[in-house]
Amino acid sequence: MDGTIALVTGATGGLGQAVAAGLAREGALVVVVGRSVARADDAVKAIRSLVPAARLEPLACDLSVQSSVRAAGAEFLSRHDRLDVLVNAAGVFRKERHVTPDGLELTFATNVMAYFLMTSLMLDALKRAGAGRTSRIVNIASKYGNTKINFDDLQTARGRYSYLRATPQTMLARVLITQEFAERLRGSGVVANAVHPGLVKNTSLLEDVRGPFRWITNTFGAPAEKAVDTALWLATSDETAGVSGKLWAKRKELPTPGMGSDPEARRRLWDACSKLAGPG
């Protein structure tokens, strides 16, 4: 991957950091996104301890705040005119409902809007890279079961808030957004895929919720270094250069039943995200 430029969100720990380390090990220049300058710098140090020869750049970005995402996007583009690999790996689980400065519910803002907005900001850079060889968008998502998106309550403002209500529909939303990006980018040299990594143990993702779900995840989940295999395969392999708009796990395509196979749902979500992102 010499000469490859990658950007990884959520790279301060867990799966995102394992993705960044894996890409760096392959020779890519990896832009490491963390919520603050200190966290991004710490992530760079942690990755370099694993990959001493890693070529890394820190990039501060609070992904829950749109102005921060736009500023980080502008900073990246001031340094680089192309992007070969974008991995959106950031995410949150929150026990209580929080509202961002943009007036959005925090889980939706981070888990959905950040993916939509960061990818949108990087499209021209991805297309420039894709003109020479396939460039990749890899979105960390999840199998979403029987989940449906409530378009009348995208941000779980009604009723009692619960991460069990708020989070699953954001995983489905990531799949739908991936599909829509794939469709819109068809023929551009850019492919977009989503990956279900399974349970990943000992990450900071579940610190806020704790309880049985965290225990199950830490007991039965895989280490991040193993869980990251399919994401790295999607980001780097010649085998995956020609596939787009799919959900993967263990290097195999997964079905996307229910709303995940509904083109109208993905277009409706796209329109909602476009409105919430505003003109910038």
Foldseek 3Di string as FASTA:
>chain_A
DAVAEEEFEPCLDFQRVLLQLVVQQVPYEYEYEDQAPVSQVNSVVVSCVVVVVGRYHYFHANQLDLVRLVVSLVVVCVVDQAHQEYEYDDAAQAAAWDADPLRATRRCSRLALSLVRNCVSRVRRQLVNLVVAAGEYEYEAAQLPPDDQDPVCLRVPDDGDGSVNNPSVSRLLSLLLQLVVQVVCPPSSYAGEYEHLDQEADICRCVNPDPDVNVCSNVPPDHSNVSNVLVNCCRDPPVNSPDHSFYDYPVDTDDQDDPSPPNVSSVSSVVVSDVSSPPD
